[in-house]
Amino acid sequence: MSPSPKDPLHGKTLQSILEELVETYRWEGLAHHIHINCFISDPSIKSSLTFLRKTPWARKKVEDLYVKLMRDAN
């Protein structure tokens, strides 16, 4: 039996995930991948975190993109 792959979200805060995605894609690229207003109109880490913490479907999209980024990096 092979060990299950480690969860790339384990131990990661939403802020660190978002900062890494912004570093990788910049705001423009992030808005291209995930079409939500907080990434398009005057984006900031603080305003995006506020929105993502209140909006589970948007947070899920961010987490899914992060997981894809981590899998593609390996």
Protein backbone atom coordinates (compact mmCIF):
# COMPACT_ATOMS: atom_id res chain seq x y z
CA MET A 1 0.00 0.00 0.00
CA SER A 2 1.52 3.33 -1.02
CA PRO A 3 1.32 6.32 1.30
CA SER A 4 -1.24 8.96 0.37
CA PRO A 5 0.17 12.21 -1.02
CA LYS A 6 0.58 14.97 1.52
CA ASP A 7 -2.14 17.61 1.50
CA PRO A 8 -0.52 20.79 0.06
CA LEU A 9 -2.96 22.92 2.10
CA HIS A 10 -1.93 21.39 5.43
CA GLY A 11 -0.45 24.04 7.70
CA LYS A 12 -0.97 26.84 5.17
CA THR A 13 -2.88 29.97 6.04
CA LEU A 14 -5.18 31.60 3.53
CA GLN A 15 -2.92 34.65 3.61
CA SER A 16 0.21 32.66 2.74
CA ILE A 17 -1.65 30.86 -0.05
CA LEU A 18 -2.88 34.14 -1.50
CA GLU A 19 0.55 35.79 -1.21
CA GLU A 20 2.18 32.88 -3.05
CA LEU A 21 -0.43 32.99 -5.81
CA VAL A 22 0.01 36.75 -6.22
CA GLU A 23 3.79 36.31 -6.32
CA THR A 24 3.42 33.65 -9.02
CA TYR A 25 0.61 35.06 -11.15
CA ARG A 26 0.44 38.75 -10.14
CA TRP A 27 -3.03 40.21 -9.68
CA GLU A 28 -3.73 40.26 -13.41
CA GLY A 29 -2.96 36.57 -13.83
CA LEU A 30 -4.89 35.65 -10.72
CA ALA A 31 -7.92 37.56 -12.03
CA HIS A 32 -7.55 35.66 -15.31
CA HIS A 33 -7.65 32.29 -13.52
CA ILE A 34 -10.34 33.23 -10.97
CA HIS A 35 -12.86 35.80 -12.14
CA ILE A 36 -13.79 37.60 -8.93
CA ASN A 37 -13.95 41.33 -8.42
CA CYS A 38 -11.52 41.45 -5.47
CA PHE A 39 -8.74 40.38 -7.87
CA ILE A 40 -9.80 42.77 -10.64
CA SER A 41 -10.79 46.09 -9.08
CA ASP A 42 -8.13 47.69 -6.86
CA PRO A 43 -6.83 44.36 -5.48
CA SER A 44 -5.02 44.04 -2.17
CA ILE A 45 -4.18 41.17 0.13
CA LYS A 46 -6.30 42.66 2.93
CA SER A 47 -9.46 43.21 0.88
CA SER A 48 -9.11 39.84 -0.85
CA LEU A 49 -8.70 38.01 2.47
CA THR A 50 -11.81 39.72 3.83
CA PHE A 51 -13.83 38.59 0.81
CA LEU A 52 -12.41 35.07 0.69
CA ARG A 53 -13.05 34.45 4.39
CA LYS A 54 -16.72 35.35 3.90
CA THR A 55 -17.19 33.51 0.59
CA PRO A 56 -16.57 29.75 0.72
CA TRP A 57 -16.94 29.14 -3.05
CA ALA A 58 -14.29 31.79 -3.82
CA ARG A 59 -11.93 30.44 -1.16
CA LYS A 60 -12.33 26.95 -2.66
CA LYS A 61 -11.32 28.30 -6.10
CA VAL A 62 -8.21 29.92 -4.59
CA GLU A 63 -7.29 26.75 -2.73
CA ASP A 64 -7.84 24.63 -5.86
CA LEU A 65 -5.58 26.92 -7.90
CA TYR A 66 -2.91 26.70 -5.20
CA VAL A 67 -3.09 22.89 -5.17
CA LYS A 68 -2.75 22.86 -8.97
CA LEU A 69 0.26 25.19 -8.74
CA MET A 70 1.93 22.91 -6.17
CA ARG A 71 1.25 19.76 -8.23
CA ASP A 72 2.57 21.39 -11.40
CA ALA A 73 5.72 22.45 -9.54
CA ASN A 74 6.53 18.82 -8.69
